[in-house]
Amino acid sequence: MRIFLVLGLCALLAGCGLMARKEREEQQAAAKAQSDAAMAECEVQFPKGGKRYIEKTQCQNAAITIIRPFVPYPDLLDQDMASRMAVAEKLQAGKITLAEANLEQSTFHSNIVAEEQRRMLSNRSVGAQESAAAAAWRASSPVSCTKYGNTVNCY
């Protein structure tokens, strides 16, 4: 009887986890759609060839901010948006050309992507090290079993 109760509780908890994950994925999809719509609105409001770079970048950053809760490293997104704004300010002030602005922003964005990849790889490496350490610990621990009636306990 007790085993059925434990199995039922485990199934209930697993179901709650799956439901929470599905809900999170739905929220993420809704935020992405909302962000895409806001970005499209920015393109309509500030078409290519216009000279209102700061306002367009503010609009785009606001659209990007919608997905911020769902990105793995929000600090990198913040850095990217700040970089976009700095480039837009220089461009609108006439300190750089459009080609220089594109180069500067793409270089900074490449650095952001590289940092994100480095962090993800580092996280996977740490996980692998933890798994290896746990396996080594289990392998080094002596296992002994005792039998009492029909029950065998190993530790």
N, C-alpha and C. Protein backbone atom coordinates (compact mmCIF):
# COMPACT_ATOMS: atom_id res chain seq x y z
N MET A 1 0.82 -1.19 0.00
CA MET A 1 0.00 0.00 0.00
C MET A 1 0.87 1.26 0.00
N ARG A 2 1.92 1.23 0.81
CA ARG A 2 2.79 2.38 0.93
C ARG A 2 3.51 2.65 -0.39
N ILE A 3 3.88 1.60 -1.11
CA ILE A 3 4.57 1.76 -2.38
C ILE A 3 3.70 2.47 -3.41
N PHE A 4 2.40 2.17 -3.41
CA PHE A 4 1.48 2.84 -4.34
C PHE A 4 1.35 4.32 -4.01
N LEU A 5 1.36 4.64 -2.73
CA LEU A 5 1.28 6.03 -2.31
C LEU A 5 2.53 6.79 -2.76
N VAL A 6 3.70 6.18 -2.58
CA VAL A 6 4.95 6.81 -2.99
C VAL A 6 4.99 6.98 -4.51
N LEU A 7 4.60 5.95 -5.25
CA LEU A 7 4.58 6.03 -6.71
C LEU A 7 3.60 7.10 -7.19
N GLY A 8 2.45 7.17 -6.56
CA GLY A 8 1.46 8.18 -6.91
C GLY A 8 1.98 9.59 -6.66
N LEU A 9 2.65 9.78 -5.53
CA LEU A 9 3.22 11.08 -5.20
C LEU A 9 4.31 11.46 -6.20
N CYS A 10 5.14 10.50 -6.59
CA CYS A 10 6.19 10.76 -7.58
C CYS A 10 5.58 11.16 -8.92
N ALA A 11 4.54 10.46 -9.34
CA ALA A 11 3.88 10.77 -10.60
C ALA A 11 3.25 12.16 -10.55
N LEU A 12 2.67 12.52 -9.42
CA LEU A 12 2.06 13.83 -9.26
C LEU A 12 3.10 14.93 -9.36
N LEU A 13 4.24 14.74 -8.69
CA LEU A 13 5.30 15.74 -8.74
C LEU A 13 5.89 15.86 -10.15
N ALA A 14 6.06 14.75 -10.83
CA ALA A 14 6.58 14.78 -12.20
C ALA A 14 5.61 15.53 -13.11
N GLY A 15 4.33 15.29 -12.92
CA GLY A 15 3.32 15.99 -13.71
C GLY A 15 3.34 17.48 -13.48
N CYS A 16 3.54 17.90 -12.23
CA CYS A 16 3.62 19.33 -11.91
C CYS A 16 4.82 19.95 -12.60
N GLY A 17 5.94 19.25 -12.60
CA GLY A 17 7.14 19.76 -13.25
C GLY A 17 6.95 19.91 -14.75
N LEU A 18 6.29 18.94 -15.36
CA LEU A 18 6.05 19.00 -16.80
C LEU A 18 5.09 20.14 -17.14
N MET A 19 4.09 20.33 -16.30
CA MET A 19 3.13 21.41 -16.54
C MET A 19 3.82 22.77 -16.40
N ALA A 20 4.68 22.92 -15.41
CA ALA A 20 5.39 24.18 -15.22
C ALA A 20 6.32 24.45 -16.40
N ARG A 21 6.97 23.42 -16.89
CA ARG A 21 7.86 23.57 -18.05
C ARG A 21 7.08 23.99 -19.28
N LYS A 22 5.94 23.34 -19.50
CA LYS A 22 5.10 23.68 -20.65
C LYS A 22 4.60 25.12 -20.54
N GLU A 23 4.21 25.53 -19.36
CA GLU A 23 3.73 26.89 -19.15
C GLU A 23 4.85 27.90 -19.43
N ARG A 24 6.06 27.59 -18.98
CA ARG A 24 7.21 28.47 -19.22
C ARG A 24 7.48 28.58 -20.73
N GLU A 25 7.41 27.46 -21.43
CA GLU A 25 7.63 27.47 -22.89
C GLU A 25 6.56 28.31 -23.59
N GLU A 26 5.32 28.22 -23.13
CA GLU A 26 4.24 29.01 -23.71
C GLU A 26 4.47 30.51 -23.46
N GLN A 27 4.90 30.84 -22.25
CA GLN A 27 5.20 32.24 -21.93
C GLN A 27 6.33 32.76 -22.80
N GLN A 28 7.35 31.91 -23.00
CA GLN A 28 8.48 32.30 -23.83
C GLN A 28 8.05 32.53 -25.28
N ALA A 29 7.22 31.64 -25.80
CA ALA A 29 6.73 31.79 -27.17
C ALA A 29 5.89 33.06 -27.31
N ALA A 30 5.06 33.35 -26.33
CA ALA A 30 4.24 34.57 -26.37
C ALA A 30 5.11 35.82 -26.31
N ALA A 31 6.14 35.80 -25.47
CA ALA A 31 7.04 36.94 -25.37
C ALA A 31 7.81 37.14 -26.67
N LYS A 32 8.23 36.05 -27.30
CA LYS A 32 8.94 36.14 -28.59
C LYS A 32 8.03 36.74 -29.65
N ALA A 33 6.79 36.30 -29.71
CA ALA A 33 5.84 36.84 -30.68
C ALA A 33 5.60 38.33 -30.43
N GLN A 34 5.46 38.69 -29.17
CA GLN A 34 5.24 40.09 -28.80
C GLN A 34 6.46 40.93 -29.17
N SER A 35 7.65 40.40 -28.92
CA SER A 35 8.88 41.10 -29.26
C SER A 35 9.02 41.27 -30.77
N ASP A 36 8.71 40.22 -31.52
CA ASP A 36 8.78 40.30 -32.99
C ASP A 36 7.80 41.34 -33.52
N ALA A 37 6.60 41.39 -32.96
CA ALA A 37 5.61 42.38 -33.39
C ALA A 37 6.08 43.80 -33.07
N ALA A 38 6.66 43.98 -31.90
CA ALA A 38 7.18 45.30 -31.51
C ALA A 38 8.34 45.71 -32.42
N MET A 39 9.20 44.75 -32.78
CA MET A 39 10.32 45.05 -33.67
C MET A 39 9.81 45.43 -35.06
N ALA A 40 8.79 44.74 -35.54
CA ALA A 40 8.20 45.08 -36.83
C ALA A 40 7.60 46.48 -36.80
N GLU A 41 6.98 46.83 -35.69
CA GLU A 41 6.42 48.18 -35.53
C GLU A 41 7.53 49.23 -35.57
N CYS A 42 8.68 48.91 -35.00
CA CYS A 42 9.82 49.83 -35.04
C CYS A 42 10.27 50.05 -36.49
N GLU A 43 10.28 48.98 -37.26
CA GLU A 43 10.69 49.09 -38.67
C GLU A 43 9.71 49.94 -39.47
N VAL A 44 8.43 49.86 -39.13
CA VAL A 44 7.43 50.69 -39.81
C VAL A 44 7.57 52.15 -39.38
N GLN A 45 7.76 52.35 -38.09
CA GLN A 45 7.85 53.70 -37.55
C GLN A 45 9.15 54.40 -37.95
N PHE A 46 10.23 53.63 -38.04
CA PHE A 46 11.54 54.18 -38.39
C PHE A 46 12.12 53.40 -39.56
N PRO A 47 11.71 53.70 -40.79
CA PRO A 47 12.18 52.91 -41.93
C PRO A 47 13.67 53.11 -42.19
N LYS A 48 14.25 52.17 -42.93
CA LYS A 48 15.66 52.26 -43.29
C LYS A 48 15.91 53.53 -44.08
N GLY A 49 17.07 54.11 -43.87
CA GLY A 49 17.40 55.35 -44.56
C GLY A 49 17.08 56.59 -43.75
N GLY A 50 16.33 56.42 -42.67
CA GLY A 50 16.01 57.55 -41.81
C GLY A 50 17.23 57.95 -40.99
N LYS A 51 17.18 59.11 -40.41
CA LYS A 51 18.31 59.63 -39.63
C LYS A 51 18.02 59.68 -38.14
N ARG A 52 16.94 59.06 -37.69
CA ARG A 52 16.57 59.09 -36.27
C ARG A 52 17.09 57.80 -35.61
N TYR A 53 18.40 57.65 -35.59
CA TYR A 53 19.03 56.41 -35.12
C TYR A 53 18.79 56.15 -33.63
N ILE A 54 18.85 57.19 -32.83
CA ILE A 54 18.67 57.02 -31.39
C ILE A 54 17.25 56.55 -31.08
N GLU A 55 16.27 57.20 -31.68
CA GLU A 55 14.87 56.82 -31.44
C GLU A 55 14.59 55.40 -31.93
N LYS A 56 15.14 55.05 -33.09
CA LYS A 56 14.94 53.71 -33.63
C LYS A 56 15.57 52.67 -32.71
N THR A 57 16.77 52.96 -32.21
CA THR A 57 17.45 52.02 -31.31
C THR A 57 16.71 51.90 -29.99
N GLN A 58 16.17 52.99 -29.48
CA GLN A 58 15.37 52.93 -28.25
C GLN A 58 14.15 52.04 -28.47
N CYS A 59 13.51 52.19 -29.61
CA CYS A 59 12.34 51.37 -29.93
C CYS A 59 12.73 49.89 -30.02
N GLN A 60 13.83 49.60 -30.73
CA GLN A 60 14.28 48.22 -30.87
C GLN A 60 14.70 47.63 -29.52
N ASN A 61 15.38 48.42 -28.71
CA ASN A 61 15.78 47.92 -27.38
C ASN A 61 14.56 47.61 -26.52
N ALA A 62 13.53 48.43 -26.62
CA ALA A 62 12.29 48.16 -25.88
C ALA A 62 11.66 46.85 -26.36
N ALA A 63 11.73 46.60 -27.66
CA ALA A 63 11.18 45.35 -28.21
C ALA A 63 11.99 44.15 -27.74
N ILE A 64 13.30 44.31 -27.67
CA ILE A 64 14.18 43.22 -27.23
C ILE A 64 14.00 42.95 -25.74
N THR A 65 13.74 43.98 -24.97
CA THR A 65 13.60 43.85 -23.51
C THR A 65 12.46 42.90 -23.14
N ILE A 66 11.50 42.74 -24.01
CA ILE A 66 10.36 41.87 -23.75
C ILE A 66 10.81 40.43 -23.49
N ILE A 67 11.86 39.98 -24.20
CA ILE A 67 12.32 38.59 -24.05
C ILE A 67 13.42 38.45 -22.99
N ARG A 68 13.80 39.53 -22.35
CA ARG A 68 14.89 39.50 -21.36
C ARG A 68 14.71 38.44 -20.28
N PRO A 69 13.51 38.24 -19.72
CA PRO A 69 13.36 37.23 -18.67
C PRO A 69 13.64 35.79 -19.13
N PHE A 70 13.70 35.59 -20.43
CA PHE A 70 13.84 34.23 -20.94
C PHE A 70 15.23 33.92 -21.51
N VAL A 71 16.11 34.91 -21.56
CA VAL A 71 17.45 34.65 -22.08
C VAL A 71 18.33 34.10 -20.96
N PRO A 72 19.29 33.23 -21.29
CA PRO A 72 20.10 32.61 -20.23
C PRO A 72 21.03 33.59 -19.52
N TYR A 73 21.49 34.61 -20.22
CA TYR A 73 22.42 35.57 -19.63
C TYR A 73 21.93 36.99 -19.90
N PRO A 74 21.02 37.50 -19.07
CA PRO A 74 20.45 38.83 -19.32
C PRO A 74 21.49 39.95 -19.27
N ASP A 75 22.57 39.75 -18.53
CA ASP A 75 23.59 40.79 -18.48
C ASP A 75 24.24 41.00 -19.85
N LEU A 76 24.39 39.92 -20.60
CA LEU A 76 24.95 40.05 -21.95
C LEU A 76 23.98 40.78 -22.88
N LEU A 77 22.69 40.53 -22.72
CA LEU A 77 21.69 41.24 -23.50
C LEU A 77 21.73 42.73 -23.18
N ASP A 78 21.88 43.05 -21.89
CA ASP A 78 21.96 44.45 -21.48
C ASP A 78 23.19 45.13 -22.10
N GLN A 79 24.32 44.42 -22.11
CA GLN A 79 25.52 44.98 -22.72
C GLN A 79 25.32 45.22 -24.22
N ASP A 80 24.67 44.28 -24.88
CA ASP A 80 24.43 44.41 -26.31
C ASP A 80 23.53 45.61 -26.59
N MET A 81 22.48 45.78 -25.79
CA MET A 81 21.58 46.92 -26.00
C MET A 81 22.29 48.24 -25.72
N ALA A 82 23.13 48.28 -24.69
CA ALA A 82 23.89 49.51 -24.38
C ALA A 82 24.85 49.83 -25.52
N SER A 83 25.47 48.82 -26.06
CA SER A 83 26.38 49.02 -27.19
C SER A 83 25.63 49.58 -28.40
N ARG A 84 24.45 49.02 -28.66
CA ARG A 84 23.64 49.50 -29.78
C ARG A 84 23.29 50.98 -29.60
N MET A 85 22.99 51.36 -28.36
CA MET A 85 22.63 52.76 -28.09
C MET A 85 23.85 53.67 -28.27
N ALA A 86 25.01 53.24 -27.79
CA ALA A 86 26.22 54.05 -27.93
C ALA A 86 26.57 54.26 -29.41
N VAL A 87 26.45 53.21 -30.18
CA VAL A 87 26.72 53.32 -31.63
C VAL A 87 25.70 54.26 -32.29
N ALA A 88 24.44 54.14 -31.91
CA ALA A 88 23.40 55.01 -32.49
C ALA A 88 23.67 56.48 -32.15
N GLU A 89 24.11 56.75 -30.94
CA GLU A 89 24.41 58.13 -30.55
C GLU A 89 25.56 58.69 -31.38
N LYS A 90 26.62 57.88 -31.57
CA LYS A 90 27.75 58.33 -32.38
C LYS A 90 27.33 58.54 -33.83
N LEU A 91 26.49 57.67 -34.33
CA LEU A 91 26.04 57.75 -35.71
C LEU A 91 25.19 58.99 -35.93
N GLN A 92 24.27 59.25 -35.02
CA GLN A 92 23.39 60.41 -35.16
C GLN A 92 24.16 61.71 -35.00
N ALA A 93 25.22 61.69 -34.18
CA ALA A 93 26.03 62.89 -33.98
C ALA A 93 26.98 63.13 -35.16
N GLY A 94 27.07 62.16 -36.08
CA GLY A 94 27.94 62.32 -37.23
C GLY A 94 29.39 61.97 -36.96
N LYS A 95 29.67 61.34 -35.85
CA LYS A 95 31.04 60.98 -35.49
C LYS A 95 31.54 59.77 -36.26
N ILE A 96 30.62 58.92 -36.73
CA ILE A 96 30.98 57.74 -37.51
C ILE A 96 30.00 57.60 -38.68
N THR A 97 30.42 56.84 -39.66
CA THR A 97 29.55 56.58 -40.81
C THR A 97 28.68 55.36 -40.51
N LEU A 98 27.71 55.12 -41.37
CA LEU A 98 26.83 53.97 -41.21
C LEU A 98 27.63 52.67 -41.31
N ALA A 99 28.58 52.63 -42.23
CA ALA A 99 29.42 51.43 -42.37
C ALA A 99 30.25 51.20 -41.12
N GLU A 100 30.81 52.25 -40.54
CA GLU A 100 31.59 52.11 -39.30
C GLU A 100 30.70 51.67 -38.15
N ALA A 101 29.48 52.19 -38.12
CA ALA A 101 28.53 51.80 -37.07
C ALA A 101 28.19 50.32 -37.19
N ASN A 102 27.93 49.86 -38.41
CA ASN A 102 27.63 48.44 -38.61
C ASN A 102 28.80 47.56 -38.19
N LEU A 103 30.01 47.97 -38.55
CA LEU A 103 31.20 47.20 -38.18
C LEU A 103 31.39 47.17 -36.67
N GLU A 104 31.24 48.31 -36.04
CA GLU A 104 31.42 48.39 -34.58
C GLU A 104 30.38 47.53 -33.85
N GLN A 105 29.13 47.62 -34.29
CA GLN A 105 28.08 46.85 -33.63
C GLN A 105 28.24 45.36 -33.88
N SER A 106 28.59 44.97 -35.09
CA SER A 106 28.74 43.54 -35.37
C SER A 106 29.94 42.97 -34.63
N THR A 107 31.01 43.74 -34.47
CA THR A 107 32.17 43.28 -33.70
C THR A 107 31.78 43.08 -32.24
N PHE A 108 31.07 44.04 -31.67
CA PHE A 108 30.65 43.92 -30.27
C PHE A 108 29.69 42.75 -30.10
N HIS A 109 28.78 42.59 -31.04
CA HIS A 109 27.81 41.49 -30.96
C HIS A 109 28.52 40.13 -31.05
N SER A 110 29.54 40.04 -31.89
CA SER A 110 30.32 38.80 -31.98
C SER A 110 30.99 38.48 -30.66
N ASN A 111 31.49 39.50 -29.98
CA ASN A 111 32.10 39.29 -28.66
C ASN A 111 31.08 38.81 -27.64
N ILE A 112 29.87 39.34 -27.72
CA ILE A 112 28.79 38.92 -26.82
C ILE A 112 28.45 37.45 -27.06
N VAL A 113 28.32 37.07 -28.32
CA VAL A 113 28.01 35.68 -28.66
C VAL A 113 29.13 34.75 -28.20
N ALA A 114 30.38 35.17 -28.38
CA ALA A 114 31.52 34.35 -27.93
C ALA A 114 31.50 34.17 -26.42
N GLU A 115 31.16 35.22 -25.69
CA GLU A 115 31.09 35.13 -24.23
C GLU A 115 29.95 34.19 -23.80
N GLU A 116 28.83 34.28 -24.48
CA GLU A 116 27.71 33.38 -24.17
C GLU A 116 28.11 31.93 -24.40
N GLN A 117 28.78 31.67 -25.51
CA GLN A 117 29.23 30.30 -25.80
C GLN A 117 30.26 29.83 -24.77
N ARG A 118 31.15 30.74 -24.36
CA ARG A 118 32.15 30.38 -23.35
C ARG A 118 31.47 30.00 -22.04
N ARG A 119 30.46 30.77 -21.64
CA ARG A 119 29.75 30.48 -20.40
C ARG A 119 29.02 29.15 -20.47
N MET A 120 28.37 28.90 -21.61
CA MET A 120 27.63 27.63 -21.76
C MET A 120 28.60 26.44 -21.72
N LEU A 121 29.73 26.57 -22.39
CA LEU A 121 30.72 25.50 -22.39
C LEU A 121 31.29 25.30 -20.99
N SER A 122 31.52 26.38 -20.28
CA SER A 122 32.02 26.30 -18.92
C SER A 122 31.03 25.58 -18.02
N ASN A 123 29.75 25.89 -18.17
CA ASN A 123 28.72 25.23 -17.36
C ASN A 123 28.67 23.74 -17.64
N ARG A 124 28.78 23.37 -18.91
CA ARG A 124 28.77 21.94 -19.25
C ARG A 124 30.01 21.25 -18.71
N SER A 125 31.15 21.94 -18.75
CA SER A 125 32.39 21.37 -18.25
C SER A 125 32.31 21.11 -16.74
N VAL A 126 31.75 22.06 -16.02
CA VAL A 126 31.60 21.90 -14.58
C VAL A 126 30.66 20.73 -14.27
N GLY A 127 29.58 20.62 -15.02
CA GLY A 127 28.65 19.50 -14.83
C GLY A 127 29.32 18.16 -15.07
N ALA A 128 30.15 18.09 -16.11
CA ALA A 128 30.86 16.85 -16.40
C ALA A 128 31.87 16.52 -15.29
N GLN A 129 32.54 17.54 -14.77
CA GLN A 129 33.49 17.32 -13.68
C GLN A 129 32.77 16.83 -12.42
N GLU A 130 31.61 17.40 -12.14
CA GLU A 130 30.84 16.97 -10.97
C GLU A 130 30.39 15.53 -11.12
N SER A 131 29.95 15.16 -12.31
CA SER A 131 29.53 13.78 -12.55
C SER A 131 30.70 12.81 -12.39
N ALA A 132 31.85 13.20 -12.92
CA ALA A 132 33.04 12.34 -12.81
C ALA A 132 33.47 12.20 -11.36
N ALA A 133 33.40 13.29 -10.61
CA ALA A 133 33.79 13.23 -9.20
C ALA A 133 32.82 12.35 -8.41
N ALA A 134 31.54 12.45 -8.70
CA ALA A 134 30.56 11.62 -8.01
C ALA A 134 30.77 10.15 -8.34
N ALA A 135 31.06 9.86 -9.61
CA ALA A 135 31.32 8.47 -10.00
C ALA A 135 32.58 7.93 -9.33
N ALA A 136 33.61 8.76 -9.25
CA ALA A 136 34.85 8.34 -8.59
C ALA A 136 34.61 8.10 -7.11
N TRP A 137 33.82 8.94 -6.49
CA TRP A 137 33.53 8.77 -5.07
C TRP A 137 32.77 7.47 -4.83
N ARG A 138 31.76 7.22 -5.70
CA ARG A 138 31.00 5.98 -5.55
C ARG A 138 31.88 4.76 -5.77
N ALA A 139 32.80 4.85 -6.72
CA ALA A 139 33.68 3.72 -7.02
C ALA A 139 34.66 3.47 -5.89
N SER A 140 35.07 4.52 -5.19
CA SER A 140 36.06 4.37 -4.13
C SER A 140 35.44 3.91 -2.82
N SER A 141 34.14 4.07 -2.68
CA SER A 141 33.47 3.67 -1.44
C SER A 141 33.23 2.16 -1.44
N PRO A 142 33.59 1.52 -0.36
CA PRO A 142 33.31 0.08 -0.30
C PRO A 142 31.81 -0.16 -0.19
N VAL A 143 31.36 -1.18 -0.86
CA VAL A 143 29.96 -1.56 -0.82
C VAL A 143 29.87 -2.86 -0.05
N SER A 144 29.04 -2.82 0.95
CA SER A 144 28.83 -4.06 1.69
C SER A 144 27.32 -4.28 1.84
N CYS A 145 26.94 -5.51 1.81
CA CYS A 145 25.52 -5.84 1.88
C CYS A 145 25.28 -6.78 3.06
N THR A 146 24.16 -6.58 3.68
CA THR A 146 23.75 -7.48 4.76
C THR A 146 22.38 -8.03 4.42
N LYS A 147 22.18 -9.28 4.82
CA LYS A 147 20.91 -9.92 4.55
C LYS A 147 20.22 -10.19 5.88
N TYR A 148 18.99 -9.78 5.95
CA TYR A 148 18.19 -10.02 7.13
C TYR A 148 16.87 -10.59 6.64
N GLY A 149 16.68 -11.84 6.79
CA GLY A 149 15.49 -12.51 6.27
C GLY A 149 15.48 -12.45 4.75
N ASN A 150 14.40 -11.91 4.18
CA ASN A 150 14.29 -11.76 2.72
C ASN A 150 14.77 -10.40 2.23
N THR A 151 15.31 -9.59 3.10
CA THR A 151 15.72 -8.23 2.77
C THR A 151 17.24 -8.13 2.69
N VAL A 152 17.74 -7.50 1.63
CA VAL A 152 19.17 -7.24 1.48
C VAL A 152 19.38 -5.73 1.47
N ASN A 153 20.23 -5.24 2.33
CA ASN A 153 20.57 -3.82 2.40
C ASN A 153 22.02 -3.64 2.02
N CYS A 154 22.30 -2.77 1.06
CA CYS A 154 23.66 -2.48 0.64
C CYS A 154 23.94 -1.02 0.92
N TYR A 155 25.14 -0.77 1.38
CA TYR A 155 25.55 0.62 1.66
C TYR A 155 27.03 0.76 1.44
